[in-house]
C-alpha atoms as a PDB file:
ATOM      1  CA  MET A   1      19.123  14.929 -38.928  1.00  0.00           C
ATOM      2  CA  LYS A   2      16.016  12.860 -39.637  1.00  0.00           C
ATOM      3  CA  TYR A   3      16.983  10.474 -36.808  1.00  0.00           C
ATOM      4  CA  VAL A   4      17.370  13.357 -34.316  1.00  0.00           C
ATOM      5  CA  PHE A   5      13.921  14.666 -35.240  1.00  0.00           C
ATOM      6  CA  ARG A   6      12.351  11.215 -34.720  1.00  0.00           C
ATOM      7  CA  VAL A   7      13.997  10.822 -31.317  1.00  0.00           C
ATOM      8  CA  PHE A   8      12.838  14.313 -30.350  1.00  0.00           C
ATOM      9  CA  ALA A   9       9.274  13.525 -31.497  1.00  0.00           C
ATOM     10  CA  ILE A  10       9.238  10.286 -29.485  1.00  0.00           C
ATOM     11  CA  ILE A  11      10.500  12.027 -26.354  1.00  0.00           C
ATOM     12  CA  CYS A  12       7.895  14.784 -26.711  1.00  0.00           C
ATOM     13  CA  SER A  13       5.077  12.264 -27.096  1.00  0.00           C
ATOM     14  CA  ILE A  14       6.234  10.413 -23.992  1.00  0.00           C
ATOM     15  CA  PHE A  15       6.148  13.612 -21.924  1.00  0.00           C
ATOM     16  CA  LEU A  16       2.748  14.606 -23.306  1.00  0.00           C
ATOM     17  CA  THR A  17       1.324  11.173 -22.547  1.00  0.00           C
ATOM     18  CA  ALA A  18       2.755  11.243 -19.021  1.00  0.00           C
ATOM     19  CA  ASN A  19       1.069  14.593 -18.355  1.00  0.00           C
ATOM     20  CA  VAL A  20      -2.290  13.278 -19.554  1.00  0.00           C
ATOM     21  CA  TYR A  21      -2.104  10.303 -17.206  1.00  0.00           C
ATOM     22  CA  ALA A  22      -0.841  12.424 -14.316  1.00  0.00           C
ATOM     23  CA  ASP A  23      -4.025  14.483 -14.540  1.00  0.00           C
ATOM     24  CA  GLU A  24      -6.298  11.440 -14.582  1.00  0.00           C
ATOM     25  CA  VAL A  25      -8.788  11.349 -11.727  1.00  0.00           C
ATOM     26  CA  SER A  26     -10.704   8.457 -10.278  1.00  0.00           C
ATOM     27  CA  PRO A  27     -14.411   8.075 -11.026  1.00  0.00           C
ATOM     28  CA  THR A  28     -16.844   9.637  -8.573  1.00  0.00           C
ATOM     29  CA  ASP A  29     -19.092   6.576  -8.509  1.00  0.00           C
ATOM     30  CA  ILE A  30     -18.661   2.855  -9.106  1.00  0.00           C
ATOM     31  CA  SER A  31     -21.599   0.645  -9.982  1.00  0.00           C
ATOM     32  CA  GLY A  32     -22.454  -1.752  -7.163  1.00  0.00           C
ATOM     33  CA  ALA A  33     -20.649   0.292  -4.500  1.00  0.00           C
ATOM     34  CA  THR A  34     -21.541   3.264  -2.327  1.00  0.00           C
ATOM     35  CA  THR A  35     -19.289   6.312  -2.584  1.00  0.00           C
ATOM     36  CA  VAL A  36     -18.661   7.916   0.813  1.00  0.00           C
ATOM     37  CA  ASN A  37     -17.099  11.222   1.764  1.00  0.00           C
ATOM     38  CA  THR A  38     -14.696  11.666   4.648  1.00  0.00           C
ATOM     39  CA  ALA A  39     -17.352  12.241   7.316  1.00  0.00           C
ATOM     40  CA  GLU A  40     -19.312   9.193   6.145  1.00  0.00           C
ATOM     41  CA  ALA A  41     -16.131   7.112   6.161  1.00  0.00           C
ATOM     42  CA  LYS A  42     -15.480   8.225   9.747  1.00  0.00           C
ATOM     43  CA  ALA A  43     -19.018   7.199  10.753  1.00  0.00           C
ATOM     44  CA  LEU A  44     -18.385   3.754   9.252  1.00  0.00           C
ATOM     45  CA  PHE A  45     -15.046   3.600  11.085  1.00  0.00           C
ATOM     46  CA  ASP A  46     -16.871   4.392  14.345  1.00  0.00           C
ATOM     47  CA  GLU A  47     -19.237   1.475  13.611  1.00  0.00           C
ATOM     48  CA  GLY A  48     -16.242  -0.865  13.390  1.00  0.00           C
ATOM     49  CA  VAL A  49     -16.504  -1.441   9.640  1.00  0.00           C
ATOM     50  CA  TYR A  50     -13.510  -3.027   7.912  1.00  0.00           C
ATOM     51  CA  PHE A  51     -11.168  -0.589   6.149  1.00  0.00           C
ATOM     52  CA  VAL A  52      -8.948  -1.909   3.363  1.00  0.00           C
ATOM     53  CA  ASP A  53      -5.944   0.137   2.265  1.00  0.00           C
ATOM     54  CA  VAL A  54      -4.802  -0.765  -1.257  1.00  0.00           C
ATOM     55  CA  ARG A  55      -1.886   1.701  -1.431  1.00  0.00           C
ATOM     56  CA  LYS A  56       1.697   0.702  -2.088  1.00  0.00           C
ATOM     57  CA  ASP A  57       3.813  -0.443   0.850  1.00  0.00           C
ATOM     58  CA  SER A  58       5.693   2.853   1.312  1.00  0.00           C
ATOM     59  CA  ASP A  59       2.420   4.803   1.576  1.00  0.00           C
ATOM     60  CA  TRP A  60       1.084   2.282   4.086  1.00  0.00           C
ATOM     61  CA  GLU A  61       4.223   2.621   6.201  1.00  0.00           C
ATOM     62  CA  ALA A  62       3.928   6.437   6.177  1.00  0.00           C
ATOM     63  CA  GLY A  63       0.502   6.344   7.855  1.00  0.00           C
ATOM     64  CA  ARG A  64      -2.948   4.785   7.625  1.00  0.00           C
ATOM     65  CA  VAL A  65      -6.419   4.560   9.102  1.00  0.00           C
ATOM     66  CA  PRO A  66      -6.086   2.704  12.433  1.00  0.00           C
ATOM     67  CA  ASP A  67      -6.667  -1.046  12.207  1.00  0.00           C
ATOM     68  CA  ALA A  68      -6.953  -0.894   8.408  1.00  0.00           C
ATOM     69  CA  ILE A  69      -6.130  -4.057   6.498  1.00  0.00           C
ATOM     70  CA  HIS A  70      -3.312  -3.600   3.990  1.00  0.00           C
ATOM     71  CA  ILE A  71      -3.794  -5.472   0.726  1.00  0.00           C
ATOM     72  CA  GLU A  72      -1.519  -3.803  -1.824  1.00  0.00           C
ATOM     73  CA  LEU A  73      -3.430  -3.625  -5.099  1.00  0.00           C
ATOM     74  CA  LYS A  74      -0.705  -4.378  -7.617  1.00  0.00           C
ATOM     75  CA  LYS A  75       1.076  -7.150  -5.704  1.00  0.00           C
ATOM     76  CA  VAL A  76      -1.356  -8.870  -3.347  1.00  0.00           C
ATOM     77  CA  TYR A  77      -5.005  -7.898  -3.951  1.00  0.00           C
ATOM     78  CA  SER A  78      -7.209 -10.758  -5.141  1.00  0.00           C
ATOM     79  CA  ASP A  79     -10.545 -12.362  -4.359  1.00  0.00           C
ATOM     80  CA  GLU A  80      -8.689 -14.823  -2.131  1.00  0.00           C
ATOM     81  CA  THR A  81      -6.749 -12.212  -0.148  1.00  0.00           C
ATOM     82  CA  LEU A  82      -9.780  -9.974   0.340  1.00  0.00           C
ATOM     83  CA  SER A  83     -12.019 -12.923   1.252  1.00  0.00           C
ATOM     84  CA  ALA A  84      -9.465 -14.081   3.831  1.00  0.00           C
ATOM     85  CA  GLU A  85      -9.946 -10.758   5.662  1.00  0.00           C
ATOM     86  CA  VAL A  86     -13.555  -9.749   4.963  1.00  0.00           C
ATOM     87  CA  GLU A  87     -16.741 -11.786   4.556  1.00  0.00           C
ATOM     88  CA  LYS A  88     -18.511 -11.181   1.232  1.00  0.00           C
ATOM     89  CA  ASP A  89     -21.582  -9.696   2.949  1.00  0.00           C
ATOM     90  CA  ALA A  90     -19.680  -7.570   5.496  1.00  0.00           C
ATOM     91  CA  LYS A  91     -19.366  -3.821   5.155  1.00  0.00           C
ATOM     92  CA  VAL A  92     -15.944  -2.829   3.800  1.00  0.00           C
ATOM     93  CA  VAL A  93     -14.473   0.595   3.043  1.00  0.00           C
ATOM     94  CA  ILE A  94     -11.734   0.617   0.410  1.00  0.00           C
ATOM     95  CA  TYR A  95      -9.372   3.579   0.088  1.00  0.00           C
ATOM     96  CA  CYS A  96      -6.082   4.818  -1.344  1.00  0.00           C
ATOM     97  CA  ASN A  97      -4.511   8.282  -1.806  1.00  0.00           C
ATOM     98  CA  GLY A  98      -7.415  10.415  -2.989  1.00  0.00           C
ATOM     99  CA  GLU A  99      -9.014  11.336  -6.272  1.00  0.00           C
ATOM    100  CA  LYS A 100      -5.803  11.118  -8.319  1.00  0.00           C
ATOM    101  CA  CYS A 101      -5.168   7.592  -7.047  1.00  0.00           C
ATOM    102  CA  LEU A 102      -6.955   5.024  -9.191  1.00  0.00           C
ATOM    103  CA  ARG A 103      -6.134   2.058  -6.945  1.00  0.00           C
ATOM    104  CA  SER A 104      -9.256   2.239  -4.795  1.00  0.00           C
ATOM    105  CA  ALA A 105     -11.510   2.558  -7.861  1.00  0.00           C
ATOM    106  CA  LYS A 106      -9.914  -0.547  -9.373  1.00  0.00           C
ATOM    107  CA  ALA A 107     -10.097  -2.437  -6.069  1.00  0.00           C
ATOM    108  CA  VAL A 108     -13.741  -1.496  -5.488  1.00  0.00           C
ATOM    109  CA  THR A 109     -14.671  -2.556  -9.023  1.00  0.00           C
ATOM    110  CA  LYS A 110     -12.981  -5.921  -8.502  1.00  0.00           C
ATOM    111  CA  ALA A 111     -14.594  -6.463  -5.076  1.00  0.00           C
ATOM    112  CA  VAL A 112     -18.040  -5.909  -6.579  1.00  0.00           C
ATOM    113  CA  GLU A 113     -17.219  -8.283  -9.464  1.00  0.00           C
ATOM    114  CA  TRP A 114     -16.114 -10.903  -6.928  1.00  0.00           C
ATOM    115  CA  GLY A 115     -19.483 -10.741  -5.151  1.00  0.00           C
ATOM    116  CA  PHE A 116     -18.816  -8.429  -2.211  1.00  0.00           C
ATOM    117  CA  THR A 117     -22.170  -6.806  -1.488  1.00  0.00           C
ATOM    118  CA  ASN A 118     -21.495  -3.978   1.001  1.00  0.00           C
ATOM    119  CA  VAL A 119     -18.586  -2.128  -0.567  1.00  0.00           C
ATOM    120  CA  TYR A 120     -17.936   1.525   0.267  1.00  0.00           C
ATOM    121  CA  TYR A 121     -15.700   3.554  -2.035  1.00  0.00           C
ATOM    122  CA  PHE A 122     -13.793   6.178  -0.035  1.00  0.00           C
ATOM    123  CA  ARG A 123     -12.601   8.167  -3.045  1.00  0.00           C
ATOM    124  CA  ASP A 124     -11.059  11.022  -1.026  1.00  0.00           C
ATOM    125  CA  GLY A 125      -8.844   8.490   0.724  1.00  0.00           C
ATOM    126  CA  PHE A 126      -6.168   8.812   3.344  1.00  0.00           C
ATOM    127  CA  PRO A 127      -5.116  12.427   2.592  1.00  0.00           C
ATOM    128  CA  ALA A 128      -8.661  13.666   3.328  1.00  0.00           C
ATOM    129  CA  TRP A 129      -8.891  11.442   6.404  1.00  0.00           C
ATOM    130  CA  LYS A 130      -5.660  12.867   7.786  1.00  0.00           C
ATOM    131  CA  ALA A 131      -6.574  16.475   6.842  1.00  0.00           C
ATOM    132  CA  ALA A 132      -9.852  16.088   8.776  1.00  0.00           C
ATOM    133  CA  GLY A 133      -7.843  15.335  11.918  1.00  0.00           C
ATOM    134  CA  TYR A 134      -9.158  11.810  12.244  1.00  0.00           C
ATOM    135  CA  PRO A 135      -6.983   9.207  13.990  1.00  0.00           C
ATOM    136  CA  VAL A 136      -4.020   7.764  12.113  1.00  0.00           C
ATOM    137  CA  GLU A 137      -1.373   5.198  12.886  1.00  0.00           C
END
């Protein structure tokens, strides 16, 4: 009976921990970067600024900002891969799947650490872009 209780307690703690992380939201601001809302991201898009999508491959395949550069955060993203696409002083908008997606926050933090100087953090990400009726591919 003691064993059953321990297994039950472990399972409960796993579910409780999963719920805590599921509710985690990305930071609103990242030091060294400029947070932009959807309209500001669109204005940067209209200027021809680089957009980097750090979502997983299946999200990328389901739709994206036109001409965005896909550098999947967990498999490919590095100083070398970002530098191969974007100059360190060029404007770059980094996005993922909105406020519950931590990928863009992590990618923006890394880009700033690597010396990128014009980084824009599009926290609302692709869902907000699409909901605004902006172009997608």
